[in-house]
């Protein structure tokens, strides 16, 4: 539940919510859509994602899951929602660092290592 609140706060902090995109998949009723979300979350838990939350109810007829994976200096959040029998989803990146920071690689570490910088004597 705490991760869910953090995820939702991350969306708000990002300057607005990404819009939900309707899915091509359709369901006969809300229960079938919710069963799909539960199965999708279960499958994701078995695939080594960093976090999987849900399904949980946000409001009447609004059930969601979040699947989180590390990406760059933050993480990618995929959210799926059943609003009644209608499935939709959205995805966004939440940065945990400065967007201008260079991605960490062996080369970036070598460029920024103080012991590798040349001193005044050209050493």
PDB file of N, CA and C in Angstrom:
ATOM      1  N   UNK A   1       0.818  -1.188   0.000  1.00  0.00           N
ATOM      2  CA  UNK A   1       0.000   0.000   0.000  1.00  0.00           C
ATOM      3  C   UNK A   1       0.868   1.261   0.000  1.00  0.00           C
ATOM      4  N   UNK A   2       1.964   1.227   0.754  1.00  0.00           N
ATOM      5  CA  UNK A   2       2.844   2.395   0.815  1.00  0.00           C
ATOM      6  C   UNK A   2       3.429   2.676  -0.557  1.00  0.00           C
ATOM      7  N   UNK A   3       3.868   1.614  -1.260  1.00  0.00           N
ATOM      8  CA  UNK A   3       4.412   1.814  -2.605  1.00  0.00           C
ATOM      9  C   UNK A   3       3.366   2.443  -3.514  1.00  0.00           C
ATOM     10  N   UNK A   4       2.120   2.034  -3.366  1.00  0.00           N
ATOM     11  CA  UNK A   4       1.048   2.603  -4.183  1.00  0.00           C
ATOM     12  C   UNK A   4       0.929   4.108  -3.967  1.00  0.00           C
ATOM     13  N   UNK A   5       1.012   4.522  -2.722  1.00  0.00           N
ATOM     14  CA  UNK A   5       0.923   5.954  -2.430  1.00  0.00           C
ATOM     15  C   UNK A   5       2.116   6.698  -2.995  1.00  0.00           C
ATOM     16  N   UNK A   6       3.302   6.088  -2.908  1.00  0.00           N
ATOM     17  CA  UNK A   6       4.501   6.704  -3.478  1.00  0.00           C
ATOM     18  C   UNK A   6       4.354   6.838  -4.986  1.00  0.00           C
ATOM     19  N   UNK A   7       3.847   5.801  -5.621  1.00  0.00           N
ATOM     20  CA  UNK A   7       3.667   5.837  -7.072  1.00  0.00           C
ATOM     21  C   UNK A   7       2.694   6.936  -7.482  1.00  0.00           C
ATOM     22  N   UNK A   8       1.593   7.024  -6.772  1.00  0.00           N
ATOM     23  CA  UNK A   8       0.608   8.048  -7.105  1.00  0.00           C
ATOM     24  C   UNK A   8       1.161   9.437  -6.840  1.00  0.00           C
ATOM     25  N   UNK A   9       1.950   9.593  -5.785  1.00  0.00           N
ATOM     26  CA  UNK A   9       2.584  10.885  -5.506  1.00  0.00           C
ATOM     27  C   UNK A   9       3.581  11.224  -6.596  1.00  0.00           C
ATOM     28  N   UNK A  10       4.263  10.216  -7.118  1.00  0.00           N
ATOM     29  CA  UNK A  10       5.226  10.441  -8.197  1.00  0.00           C
ATOM     30  C   UNK A  10       4.554  10.984  -9.442  1.00  0.00           C
ATOM     31  N   UNK A  11       3.367  10.515  -9.722  1.00  0.00           N
ATOM     32  CA  UNK A  11       2.630  11.023 -10.876  1.00  0.00           C
ATOM     33  C   UNK A  11       2.283  12.484 -10.665  1.00  0.00           C
ATOM     34  N   UNK A  12       1.798  12.814  -9.478  1.00  0.00           N
ATOM     35  CA  UNK A  12       1.420  14.192  -9.194  1.00  0.00           C
ATOM     36  C   UNK A  12       2.634  15.107  -9.242  1.00  0.00           C
ATOM     37  N   UNK A  13       3.760  14.634  -8.739  1.00  0.00           N
ATOM     38  CA  UNK A  13       4.971  15.448  -8.719  1.00  0.00           C
ATOM     39  C   UNK A  13       5.550  15.644 -10.109  1.00  0.00           C
ATOM     40  N   UNK A  14       5.215  14.788 -11.021  1.00  0.00           N
ATOM     41  CA  UNK A  14       5.754  14.865 -12.375  1.00  0.00           C
ATOM     42  C   UNK A  14       5.089  15.967 -13.190  1.00  0.00           C
ATOM     43  N   UNK A  15       4.215  16.729 -12.573  1.00  0.00           N
ATOM     44  CA  UNK A  15       3.604  17.849 -13.274  1.00  0.00           C
ATOM     45  C   UNK A  15       2.312  17.482 -13.972  1.00  0.00           C
ATOM     46  N   UNK A  16       1.697  16.402 -13.576  1.00  0.00           N
ATOM     47  CA  UNK A  16       0.428  16.006 -14.156  1.00  0.00           C
ATOM     48  C   UNK A  16       0.439  14.536 -14.485  1.00  0.00           C
ATOM     49  N   UNK A  17      -0.728  14.011 -14.631  1.00  0.00           N
ATOM     50  CA  UNK A  17      -0.846  12.592 -14.895  1.00  0.00           C
ATOM     51  C   UNK A  17      -0.819  12.307 -16.385  1.00  0.00           C
ATOM     52  N   UNK A  18      -0.151  11.210 -16.728  1.00  0.00           N
ATOM     53  CA  UNK A  18      -0.191  10.727 -18.111  1.00  0.00           C
ATOM     54  C   UNK A  18      -1.612  10.214 -18.365  1.00  0.00           C
ATOM     55  N   UNK A  19      -2.141  10.446 -19.534  1.00  0.00           N
ATOM     56  CA  UNK A  19      -3.508   9.986 -19.799  1.00  0.00           C
ATOM     57  C   UNK A  19      -3.561   8.466 -19.969  1.00  0.00           C
ATOM     58  N   UNK A  20      -4.669   7.880 -19.570  1.00  0.00           N
ATOM     59  CA  UNK A  20      -4.886   6.456 -19.806  1.00  0.00           C
ATOM     60  C   UNK A  20      -5.211   6.249 -21.278  1.00  0.00           C
ATOM     61  N   UNK A  21      -4.636   5.216 -21.849  1.00  0.00           N
ATOM     62  CA  UNK A  21      -4.917   4.845 -23.232  1.00  0.00           C
ATOM     63  C   UNK A  21      -5.817   3.612 -23.214  1.00  0.00           C
ATOM     64  N   UNK A  22      -6.930   3.627 -23.938  1.00  0.00           N
ATOM     65  CA  UNK A  22      -7.820   2.460 -23.936  1.00  0.00           C
ATOM     66  C   UNK A  22      -7.136   1.239 -24.544  1.00  0.00           C
ATOM     67  N   UNK A  23      -7.446   0.083 -24.004  1.00  0.00           N
ATOM     68  CA  UNK A  23      -6.903  -1.178 -24.503  1.00  0.00           C
ATOM     69  C   UNK A  23      -7.795  -1.715 -25.618  1.00  0.00           C
ATOM     70  N   UNK A  24      -7.215  -2.531 -26.470  1.00  0.00           N
ATOM     71  CA  UNK A  24      -8.010  -3.205 -27.512  1.00  0.00           C
ATOM     72  C   UNK A  24      -8.783  -4.377 -26.928  1.00  0.00           C
ATOM     73  N   UNK A  25      -8.323  -4.868 -25.783  1.00  0.00           N
ATOM     74  CA  UNK A  25      -8.967  -6.009 -25.122  1.00  0.00           C
ATOM     75  C   UNK A  25     -10.288  -5.538 -24.505  1.00  0.00           C
ATOM     76  N   UNK A  26     -11.322  -6.351 -24.628  1.00  0.00           N
ATOM     77  CA  UNK A  26     -12.615  -5.993 -24.043  1.00  0.00           C
ATOM     78  C   UNK A  26     -13.109  -7.132 -23.151  1.00  0.00           C
ATOM     79  N   UNK A  27     -13.956  -6.769 -22.201  1.00  0.00           N
ATOM     80  CA  UNK A  27     -14.472  -7.727 -21.238  1.00  0.00           C
ATOM     81  C   UNK A  27     -15.983  -7.610 -21.150  1.00  0.00           C
ATOM     82  N   UNK A  28     -16.617  -8.722 -20.814  1.00  0.00           N
ATOM     83  CA  UNK A  28     -18.074  -8.755 -20.730  1.00  0.00           C
ATOM     84  C   UNK A  28     -18.587  -7.993 -19.517  1.00  0.00           C
ATOM     85  N   UNK A  29     -17.804  -7.984 -18.440  1.00  0.00           N
ATOM     86  CA  UNK A  29     -18.244  -7.314 -17.217  1.00  0.00           C
ATOM     87  C   UNK A  29     -17.035  -6.916 -16.371  1.00  0.00           C
ATOM     88  N   UNK A  30     -17.243  -6.101 -15.347  1.00  0.00           N
ATOM     89  CA  UNK A  30     -16.130  -5.655 -14.500  1.00  0.00           C
ATOM     90  C   UNK A  30     -15.371  -6.800 -13.831  1.00  0.00           C
ATOM     91  N   UNK A  31     -16.070  -7.853 -13.432  1.00  0.00           N
ATOM     92  CA  UNK A  31     -15.408  -8.985 -12.762  1.00  0.00           C
ATOM     93  C   UNK A  31     -14.389  -9.649 -13.687  1.00  0.00           C
ATOM     94  N   UNK A  32     -14.713  -9.763 -14.964  1.00  0.00           N
ATOM     95  CA  UNK A  32     -13.786 -10.366 -15.923  1.00  0.00           C
ATOM     96  C   UNK A  32     -12.549  -9.483 -16.113  1.00  0.00           C
ATOM     97  N   UNK A  33     -12.749  -8.176 -16.141  1.00  0.00           N
ATOM     98  CA  UNK A  33     -11.630  -7.244 -16.273  1.00  0.00           C
ATOM     99  C   UNK A  33     -10.729  -7.340 -15.044  1.00  0.00           C
ATOM    100  N   UNK A  34     -11.333  -7.364 -13.852  1.00  0.00           N
ATOM    101  CA  UNK A  34     -10.566  -7.462 -12.618  1.00  0.00           C
ATOM    102  C   UNK A  34      -9.806  -8.786 -12.546  1.00  0.00           C
ATOM    103  N   UNK A  35     -10.411  -9.868 -13.014  1.00  0.00           N
ATOM    104  CA  UNK A  35      -9.727 -11.169 -13.035  1.00  0.00           C
ATOM    105  C   UNK A  35      -8.512 -11.109 -13.959  1.00  0.00           C
ATOM    106  N   UNK A  36      -8.657 -10.412 -15.084  1.00  0.00           N
ATOM    107  CA  UNK A  36      -7.522 -10.232 -15.987  1.00  0.00           C
ATOM    108  C   UNK A  36      -6.389  -9.485 -15.281  1.00  0.00           C
ATOM    109  N   UNK A  37      -6.716  -8.385 -14.575  1.00  0.00           N
ATOM    110  CA  UNK A  37      -5.694  -7.622 -13.855  1.00  0.00           C
ATOM    111  C   UNK A  37      -4.991  -8.487 -12.813  1.00  0.00           C
ATOM    112  N   UNK A  38      -5.755  -9.290 -12.081  1.00  0.00           N
ATOM    113  CA  UNK A  38      -5.156 -10.161 -11.063  1.00  0.00           C
ATOM    114  C   UNK A  38      -4.192 -11.156 -11.707  1.00  0.00           C
ATOM    115  N   UNK A  39      -4.581 -11.725 -12.837  1.00  0.00           N
ATOM    116  CA  UNK A  39      -3.704 -12.653 -13.549  1.00  0.00           C
ATOM    117  C   UNK A  39      -2.468 -11.968 -14.094  1.00  0.00           C
ATOM    118  N   UNK A  40      -2.646 -10.768 -14.626  1.00  0.00           N
ATOM    119  CA  UNK A  40      -1.522 -10.001 -15.181  1.00  0.00           C
ATOM    120  C   UNK A  40      -0.518  -9.643 -14.079  1.00  0.00           C
ATOM    121  N   UNK A  41      -1.018  -9.240 -12.911  1.00  0.00           N
ATOM    122  CA  UNK A  41      -0.144  -8.924 -11.783  1.00  0.00           C
ATOM    123  C   UNK A  41       0.595 -10.177 -11.317  1.00  0.00           C
ATOM    124  N   UNK A  42      -0.104 -11.296 -11.258  1.00  0.00           N
ATOM    125  CA  UNK A  42       0.531 -12.562 -10.863  1.00  0.00           C
ATOM    126  C   UNK A  42       1.632 -12.967 -11.825  1.00  0.00           C
ATOM    127  N   UNK A  43       1.379 -12.820 -13.118  1.00  0.00           N
ATOM    128  CA  UNK A  43       2.409 -13.135 -14.121  1.00  0.00           C
ATOM    129  C   UNK A  43       3.620 -12.225 -13.955  1.00  0.00           C
ATOM    130  N   UNK A  44       3.370 -10.934 -13.715  1.00  0.00           N
ATOM    131  CA  UNK A  44       4.459  -9.958 -13.566  1.00  0.00           C
ATOM    132  C   UNK A  44       5.309 -10.276 -12.335  1.00  0.00           C
ATOM    133  N   UNK A  45       4.676 -10.737 -11.267  1.00  0.00           N
ATOM    134  CA  UNK A  45       5.431 -11.081 -10.047  1.00  0.00           C
ATOM    135  C   UNK A  45       6.428 -12.197 -10.320  1.00  0.00           C
ATOM    136  N   UNK A  46       6.107 -13.076 -11.230  1.00  0.00           N
ATOM    137  CA  UNK A  46       6.996 -14.180 -11.556  1.00  0.00           C
ATOM    138  C   UNK A  46       8.085 -13.828 -12.555  1.00  0.00           C
ATOM    139  N   UNK A  47       8.100 -12.601 -13.054  1.00  0.00           N
ATOM    140  CA  UNK A  47       9.051 -12.210 -14.098  1.00  0.00           C
ATOM    141  C   UNK A  47      10.164 -11.300 -13.606  1.00  0.00           C
ATOM    142  N   UNK A  48      10.290 -11.099 -12.306  1.00  0.00           N
ATOM    143  CA  UNK A  48      11.419 -10.349 -11.779  1.00  0.00           C
ATOM    144  C   UNK A  48      11.335  -8.836 -11.879  1.00  0.00           C
ATOM    145  N   UNK A  49      10.153  -8.284 -11.927  1.00  0.00           N
ATOM    146  CA  UNK A  49      10.033  -6.823 -11.886  1.00  0.00           C
ATOM    147  C   UNK A  49      10.446  -6.336 -10.504  1.00  0.00           C
ATOM    148  N   UNK A  50      10.794  -5.064 -10.389  1.00  0.00           N
ATOM    149  CA  UNK A  50      11.223  -4.523  -9.105  1.00  0.00           C
ATOM    150  C   UNK A  50      10.069  -4.453  -8.106  1.00  0.00           C
ATOM    151  N   UNK A  51       8.861  -4.217  -8.581  1.00  0.00           N
ATOM    152  CA  UNK A  51       7.690  -4.189  -7.703  1.00  0.00           C
ATOM    153  C   UNK A  51       6.437  -4.422  -8.530  1.00  0.00           C
ATOM    154  N   UNK A  52       5.483  -5.069  -7.919  1.00  0.00           N
ATOM    155  CA  UNK A  52       4.151  -5.243  -8.509  1.00  0.00           C
ATOM    156  C   UNK A  52       3.158  -4.988  -7.381  1.00  0.00           C
ATOM    157  N   UNK A  53       2.241  -4.059  -7.599  1.00  0.00           N
ATOM    158  CA  UNK A  53       1.229  -3.706  -6.603  1.00  0.00           C
ATOM    159  C   UNK A  53      -0.154  -3.940  -7.188  1.00  0.00           C
ATOM    160  N   UNK A  54      -1.026  -4.510  -6.386  1.00  0.00           N
ATOM    161  CA  UNK A  54      -2.411  -4.653  -6.786  1.00  0.00           C
ATOM    162  C   UNK A  54      -2.760  -6.069  -7.160  1.00  0.00           C
ATOM    163  N   UNK A  55      -3.978  -6.263  -7.571  1.00  0.00           N
ATOM    164  CA  UNK A  55      -4.982  -5.233  -7.833  1.00  0.00           C
ATOM    165  C   UNK A  55      -5.570  -4.654  -6.539  1.00  0.00           C
ATOM    166  N   UNK A  56      -5.929  -3.372  -6.613  1.00  0.00           N
ATOM    167  CA  UNK A  56      -6.550  -2.685  -5.491  1.00  0.00           C
ATOM    168  C   UNK A  56      -7.556  -1.675  -6.025  1.00  0.00           C
ATOM    169  N   UNK A  57      -8.532  -1.379  -5.180  1.00  0.00           N
ATOM    170  CA  UNK A  57      -9.610  -0.457  -5.560  1.00  0.00           C
ATOM    171  C   UNK A  57      -9.223   0.981  -5.235  1.00  0.00           C
ATOM    172  N   UNK A  58      -9.378   1.848  -6.230  1.00  0.00           N
ATOM    173  CA  UNK A  58      -9.167   3.284  -6.038  1.00  0.00           C
ATOM    174  C   UNK A  58     -10.497   3.943  -5.681  1.00  0.00           C
ATOM    175  N   UNK A  59     -11.557   3.480  -6.322  1.00  0.00           N
ATOM    176  CA  UNK A  59     -12.903   4.006  -6.094  1.00  0.00           C
ATOM    177  C   UNK A  59     -13.908   3.006  -6.633  1.00  0.00           C
ATOM    178  N   UNK A  60     -15.157   3.397  -6.649  1.00  0.00           N
ATOM    179  CA  UNK A  60     -16.212   2.512  -7.147  1.00  0.00           C
ATOM    180  C   UNK A  60     -15.946   2.156  -8.613  1.00  0.00           C
ATOM    181  N   UNK A  61     -15.751   0.879  -8.878  1.00  0.00           N
ATOM    182  CA  UNK A  61     -15.536   0.412 -10.242  1.00  0.00           C
ATOM    183  C   UNK A  61     -14.170   0.725 -10.818  1.00  0.00           C
ATOM    184  N   UNK A  62     -13.227   1.206 -10.020  1.00  0.00           N
ATOM    185  CA  UNK A  62     -11.888   1.586 -10.484  1.00  0.00           C
ATOM    186  C   UNK A  62     -10.854   0.710  -9.768  1.00  0.00           C
ATOM    187  N   UNK A  63     -10.333  -0.288 -10.497  1.00  0.00           N
ATOM    188  CA  UNK A  63      -9.363  -1.234  -9.945  1.00  0.00           C
ATOM    189  C   UNK A  63      -8.076  -1.113 -10.751  1.00  0.00           C
ATOM    190  N   UNK A  64      -6.916  -1.104 -10.050  1.00  0.00           N
ATOM    191  CA  UNK A  64      -5.645  -0.863 -10.740  1.00  0.00           C
ATOM    192  C   UNK A  64      -4.538  -1.790 -10.262  1.00  0.00           C
ATOM    193  N   UNK A  65      -3.522  -1.922 -11.127  1.00  0.00           N
ATOM    194  CA  UNK A  65      -2.260  -2.563 -10.767  1.00  0.00           C
ATOM    195  C   UNK A  65      -1.128  -1.665 -11.249  1.00  0.00           C
ATOM    196  N   UNK A  66       0.015  -1.767 -10.571  1.00  0.00           N
ATOM    197  CA  UNK A  66       1.223  -1.054 -10.981  1.00  0.00           C
ATOM    198  C   UNK A  66       2.352  -2.063 -11.106  1.00  0.00           C
ATOM    199  N   UNK A  67       3.108  -1.967 -12.181  1.00  0.00           N
ATOM    200  CA  UNK A  67       4.284  -2.802 -12.394  1.00  0.00           C
ATOM    201  C   UNK A  67       5.462  -1.858 -12.568  1.00  0.00           C
ATOM    202  N   UNK A  68       6.495  -2.054 -11.737  1.00  0.00           N
ATOM    203  CA  UNK A  68       7.614  -1.117 -11.684  1.00  0.00           C
ATOM    204  C   UNK A  68       8.916  -1.844 -12.039  1.00  0.00           C
ATOM    205  N   UNK A  69       9.737  -1.194 -12.864  1.00  0.00           N
ATOM    206  CA  UNK A  69      11.063  -1.729 -13.180  1.00  0.00           C
ATOM    207  C   UNK A  69      12.070  -0.591 -13.214  1.00  0.00           C
ATOM    208  N   UNK A  70      13.299  -0.903 -12.809  1.00  0.00           N
ATOM    209  CA  UNK A  70      14.373   0.077 -12.812  1.00  0.00           C
ATOM    210  C   UNK A  70      14.688   0.464 -14.243  1.00  0.00           C
ATOM    211  N   UNK A  71      14.890   1.762 -14.448  1.00  0.00           N
ATOM    212  CA  UNK A  71      15.212   2.262 -15.791  1.00  0.00           C
ATOM    213  C   UNK A  71      16.018   3.539 -15.654  1.00  0.00           C
ATOM    214  N   UNK A  72      17.265   3.512 -16.086  1.00  0.00           N
ATOM    215  CA  UNK A  72      18.116   4.694 -16.009  1.00  0.00           C
ATOM    216  C   UNK A  72      18.323   5.119 -14.571  1.00  0.00           C
ATOM    217  N   UNK A  73      18.117   6.400 -14.306  1.00  0.00           N
ATOM    218  CA  UNK A  73      18.303   6.921 -12.949  1.00  0.00           C
ATOM    219  C   UNK A  73      16.998   6.946 -12.165  1.00  0.00           C
ATOM    220  N   UNK A  74      16.058   6.111 -12.536  1.00  0.00           N
ATOM    221  CA  UNK A  74      14.777   6.074 -11.857  1.00  0.00           C
ATOM    222  C   UNK A  74      14.073   4.760 -12.116  1.00  0.00           C
ATOM    223  N   UNK A  75      12.799   4.837 -12.374  1.00  0.00           N
ATOM    224  CA  UNK A  75      12.053   3.634 -12.683  1.00  0.00           C
ATOM    225  C   UNK A  75      10.886   3.938 -13.616  1.00  0.00           C
ATOM    226  N   UNK A  76      10.466   2.904 -14.331  1.00  0.00           N
ATOM    227  CA  UNK A  76       9.333   2.965 -15.249  1.00  0.00           C
ATOM    228  C   UNK A  76       8.138   2.353 -14.535  1.00  0.00           C
ATOM    229  N   UNK A  77       7.026   3.058 -14.547  1.00  0.00           N
ATOM    230  CA  UNK A  77       5.808   2.596 -13.900  1.00  0.00           C
ATOM    231  C   UNK A  77       4.770   2.335 -14.982  1.00  0.00           C
ATOM    232  N   UNK A  78       4.283   1.105 -15.029  1.00  0.00           N
ATOM    233  CA  UNK A  78       3.198   0.742 -15.932  1.00  0.00           C
ATOM    234  C   UNK A  78       1.964   0.531 -15.068  1.00  0.00           C
ATOM    235  N   UNK A  79       0.911   1.263 -15.373  1.00  0.00           N
ATOM    236  CA  UNK A  79      -0.336   1.178 -14.606  1.00  0.00           C
ATOM    237  C   UNK A  79      -1.439   0.677 -15.528  1.00  0.00           C
ATOM    238  N   UNK A  80      -2.168  -0.331 -15.071  1.00  0.00           N
ATOM    239  CA  UNK A  80      -3.321  -0.850 -15.793  1.00  0.00           C
ATOM    240  C   UNK A  80      -4.540  -0.608 -14.927  1.00  0.00           C
ATOM    241  N   UNK A  81      -5.651  -0.237 -15.577  1.00  0.00           N
ATOM    242  CA  UNK A  81      -6.868   0.102 -14.837  1.00  0.00           C
ATOM    243  C   UNK A  81      -8.082  -0.547 -15.475  1.00  0.00           C
ATOM    244  N   UNK A  82      -8.942  -1.088 -14.617  1.00  0.00           N
ATOM    245  CA  UNK A  82     -10.276  -1.503 -15.036  1.00  0.00           C
ATOM    246  C   UNK A  82     -11.237  -0.462 -14.485  1.00  0.00           C
ATOM    247  N   UNK A  83     -11.875   0.252 -15.359  1.00  0.00           N
ATOM    248  CA  UNK A  83     -12.919   1.192 -14.975  1.00  0.00           C
ATOM    249  C   UNK A  83     -14.212   0.551 -15.452  1.00  0.00           C
ATOM    250  N   UNK A  84     -14.851  -0.165 -14.540  1.00  0.00           N
ATOM    251  CA  UNK A  84     -15.960  -1.029 -14.939  1.00  0.00           C
ATOM    252  C   UNK A  84     -15.369  -2.187 -15.737  1.00  0.00           C
ATOM    253  N   UNK A  85     -15.884  -2.400 -16.927  1.00  0.00           N
ATOM    254  CA  UNK A  85     -15.379  -3.476 -17.778  1.00  0.00           C
ATOM    255  C   UNK A  85     -14.356  -2.975 -18.793  1.00  0.00           C
ATOM    256  N   UNK A  86     -14.013  -1.697 -18.741  1.00  0.00           N
ATOM    257  CA  UNK A  86     -13.086  -1.105 -19.718  1.00  0.00           C
ATOM    258  C   UNK A  86     -11.657  -1.115 -19.177  1.00  0.00           C
ATOM    259  N   UNK A  87     -10.756  -1.758 -19.909  1.00  0.00           N
ATOM    260  CA  UNK A  87      -9.346  -1.822 -19.542  1.00  0.00           C
ATOM    261  C   UNK A  87      -8.592  -0.696 -20.241  1.00  0.00           C
ATOM    262  N   UNK A  88      -7.712  -0.029 -19.497  1.00  0.00           N
ATOM    263  CA  UNK A  88      -6.855   1.000 -20.082  1.00  0.00           C
ATOM    264  C   UNK A  88      -5.529   0.977 -19.337  1.00  0.00           C
ATOM    265  N   UNK A  89      -4.550   1.684 -19.878  1.00  0.00           N
ATOM    266  CA  UNK A  89      -3.244   1.700 -19.237  1.00  0.00           C
ATOM    267  C   UNK A  89      -2.475   2.958 -19.564  1.00  0.00           C
ATOM    268  N   UNK A  90      -1.425   3.173 -18.785  1.00  0.00           N
ATOM    269  CA  UNK A  90      -0.510   4.280 -19.031  1.00  0.00           C
ATOM    270  C   UNK A  90       0.847   3.889 -18.454  1.00  0.00           C
ATOM    271  N   UNK A  91       1.859   4.597 -18.900  1.00  0.00           N
ATOM    272  CA  UNK A  91       3.214   4.303 -18.469  1.00  0.00           C
ATOM    273  C   UNK A  91       3.988   5.604 -18.395  1.00  0.00           C
ATOM    274  N   UNK A  92       4.856   5.735 -17.387  1.00  0.00           N
ATOM    275  CA  UNK A  92       5.674   6.930 -17.265  1.00  0.00           C
ATOM    276  C   UNK A  92       6.967   6.596 -16.552  1.00  0.00           C
ATOM    277  N   UNK A  93       7.949   7.467 -16.736  1.00  0.00           N
ATOM    278  CA  UNK A  93       9.244   7.326 -16.078  1.00  0.00           C
ATOM    279  C   UNK A  93       9.288   8.284 -14.898  1.00  0.00           C
ATOM    280  N   UNK A  94       9.730   7.788 -13.759  1.00  0.00           N
ATOM    281  CA  UNK A  94       9.901   8.626 -12.572  1.00  0.00           C
ATOM    282  C   UNK A  94      11.385   8.656 -12.236  1.00  0.00           C
ATOM    283  N   UNK A  95      11.981   9.822 -12.347  1.00  0.00           N
ATOM    284  CA  UNK A  95      13.412   9.973 -12.113  1.00  0.00           C
ATOM    285  C   UNK A  95      13.698  10.112 -10.626  1.00  0.00           C
ATOM    286  N   UNK A  96      14.775   9.457 -10.193  1.00  0.00           N
ATOM    287  CA  UNK A  96      15.205   9.560  -8.801  1.00  0.00           C
ATOM    288  C   UNK A  96      16.419  10.466  -8.666  1.00  0.00           C
ATOM    289  N   UNK A  97      16.873  11.001  -9.779  1.00  0.00           N
ATOM    290  CA  UNK A  97      18.053  11.853  -9.744  1.00  0.00           C
ATOM    291  C   UNK A  97      17.890  13.022 -10.681  1.00  0.00           C
ATOM    292  N   UNK A  98      18.969  13.704 -10.899  1.00  0.00           N
ATOM    293  CA  UNK A  98      19.005  14.853 -11.787  1.00  0.00           C
ATOM    294  C   UNK A  98      18.943  14.358 -13.236  1.00  0.00           C
ATOM    295  N   UNK A  99      17.988  14.844 -13.994  1.00  0.00           N
ATOM    296  CA  UNK A  99      17.840  14.417 -15.385  1.00  0.00           C
ATOM    297  C   UNK A  99      19.073  14.734 -16.223  1.00  0.00           C
ATOM    298  N   UNK A 100      19.847  15.752 -15.796  1.00  0.00           N
ATOM    299  CA  UNK A 100      21.033  16.123 -16.559  1.00  0.00           C
ATOM    300  C   UNK A 100      22.229  15.242 -16.241  1.00  0.00           C
ATOM    301  N   UNK A 101      22.123  14.405 -15.204  1.00  0.00           N
ATOM    302  CA  UNK A 101      23.233  13.543 -14.848  1.00  0.00           C
ATOM    303  C   UNK A 101      23.468  12.517 -15.938  1.00  0.00           C
ATOM    304  N   UNK A 102      24.732  12.220 -16.158  1.00  0.00           N
ATOM    305  CA  UNK A 102      25.114  11.206 -17.120  1.00  0.00           C
ATOM    306  C   UNK A 102      24.808   9.830 -16.531  1.00  0.00           C
ATOM    307  N   UNK A 103      24.330   8.909 -17.352  1.00  0.00           N
ATOM    308  CA  UNK A 103      24.075   7.554 -16.882  1.00  0.00           C
ATOM    309  C   UNK A 103      25.385   6.936 -16.401  1.00  0.00           C
ATOM    310  N   UNK A 104      25.317   6.133 -15.348  1.00  0.00           N
ATOM    311  CA  UNK A 104      26.520   5.544 -14.791  1.00  0.00           C
ATOM    312  C   UNK A 104      27.025   4.419 -15.683  1.00  0.00           C
ATOM    313  N   UNK A 105      28.248   4.563 -16.142  1.00  0.00           N
ATOM    314  CA  UNK A 105      28.952   3.527 -16.898  1.00  0.00           C
ATOM    315  C   UNK A 105      30.402   3.547 -16.431  1.00  0.00           C
ATOM    316  N   UNK A 106      31.201   2.573 -16.849  1.00  0.00           N
ATOM    317  CA  UNK A 106      32.623   2.580 -16.504  1.00  0.00           C
ATOM    318  C   UNK A 106      33.285   3.839 -17.059  1.00  0.00           C
ATOM    319  N   UNK A 107      32.885   4.249 -18.253  1.00  0.00           N
ATOM    320  CA  UNK A 107      33.469   5.438 -18.867  1.00  0.00           C
ATOM    321  C   UNK A 107      33.091   6.709 -18.104  1.00  0.00           C
ATOM    322  N   UNK A 108      31.840   6.803 -17.658  1.00  0.00           N
ATOM    323  CA  UNK A 108      31.429   8.004 -16.919  1.00  0.00           C
ATOM    324  C   UNK A 108      32.137   8.061 -15.570  1.00  0.00           C
ATOM    325  N   UNK A 109      32.357   6.917 -14.947  1.00  0.00           N
ATOM    326  CA  UNK A 109      33.079   6.885 -13.673  1.00  0.00           C
ATOM    327  C   UNK A 109      34.525   7.336 -13.876  1.00  0.00           C
ATOM    328  N   UNK A 110      35.148   6.892 -14.967  1.00  0.00           N
ATOM    329  CA  UNK A 110      36.537   7.278 -15.241  1.00  0.00           C
ATOM    330  C   UNK A 110      36.641   8.774 -15.519  1.00  0.00           C
ATOM    331  N   UNK A 111      35.662   9.326 -16.228  1.00  0.00           N
ATOM    332  CA  UNK A 111      35.686  10.758 -16.523  1.00  0.00           C
ATOM    333  C   UNK A 111      35.539  11.606 -15.268  1.00  0.00           C
ATOM    334  N   UNK A 112      34.806  11.108 -14.283  1.00  0.00           N
ATOM    335  CA  UNK A 112      34.544  11.914 -13.096  1.00  0.00           C
ATOM    336  C   UNK A 112      35.427  11.548 -11.910  1.00  0.00           C
ATOM    337  N   UNK A 113      36.296  10.556 -12.030  1.00  0.00           N
ATOM    338  CA  UNK A 113      37.148  10.129 -10.910  1.00  0.00           C
ATOM    339  C   UNK A 113      38.230  11.165 -10.645  1.00  0.00           C
ATOM    340  N   UNK A 114      38.266  11.730  -9.441  1.00  0.00           N
ATOM    341  CA  UNK A 114      39.246  12.782  -9.149  1.00  0.00           C
ATOM    342  C   UNK A 114      40.688  12.285  -9.233  1.00  0.00           C
ATOM    343  N   UNK A 115      40.937  11.037  -8.946  1.00  0.00           N
ATOM    344  CA  UNK A 115      42.309  10.511  -8.979  1.00  0.00           C
ATOM    345  C   UNK A 115      42.834  10.323 -10.392  1.00  0.00           C
ATOM    346  N   UNK A 116      41.943  10.413 -11.391  1.00  0.00           N
ATOM    347  CA  UNK A 116      42.381  10.282 -12.778  1.00  0.00           C
ATOM    348  C   UNK A 116      42.559  11.632 -13.473  1.00  0.00           C
ATOM    349  N   UNK A 117      42.166  12.677 -12.798  1.00  0.00           N
ATOM    350  CA  UNK A 117      42.311  14.023 -13.399  1.00  0.00           C
ATOM    351  C   UNK A 117      43.754  14.475 -13.302  1.00  0.00           C
ATOM    352  N   UNK A 118      44.203  15.138 -14.343  1.00  0.00           N
ATOM    353  CA  UNK A 118      45.571  15.617 -14.377  1.00  0.00           C
ATOM    354  C   UNK A 118      45.717  16.853 -13.496  1.00  0.00           C
ATOM    355  N   UNK A 119      46.790  16.874 -12.733  1.00  0.00           N
ATOM    356  CA  UNK A 119      47.064  18.001 -11.862  1.00  0.00           C
ATOM    357  C   UNK A 119      47.765  19.115 -12.617  1.00  0.00           C
ATOM    358  N   UNK A 120      48.204  20.176 -11.907  1.00  0.00           N
ATOM    359  CA  UNK A 120      48.848  21.339 -12.538  1.00  0.00           C
ATOM    360  C   UNK A 120      50.150  20.981 -13.235  1.00  0.00           C
ATOM    361  N   UNK A 121      50.832  19.916 -12.824  1.00  0.00           N
ATOM    362  CA  UNK A 121      52.115  19.558 -13.440  1.00  0.00           C
ATOM    363  C   UNK A 121      51.934  18.702 -14.668  1.00  0.00           C
ATOM    364  N   UNK A 122      50.687  18.503 -15.156  1.00  0.00           N
ATOM    365  CA  UNK A 122      50.448  17.686 -16.342  1.00  0.00           C
ATOM    366  C   UNK A 122      50.546  16.206 -16.064  1.00  0.00           C
ATOM    367  N   UNK A 123      50.585  15.873 -14.834  1.00  0.00           N
ATOM    368  CA  UNK A 123      50.715  14.497 -14.433  1.00  0.00           C
ATOM    369  C   UNK A 123      49.518  13.668 -14.630  1.00  0.00           C
TER     370      UNK A 123
END
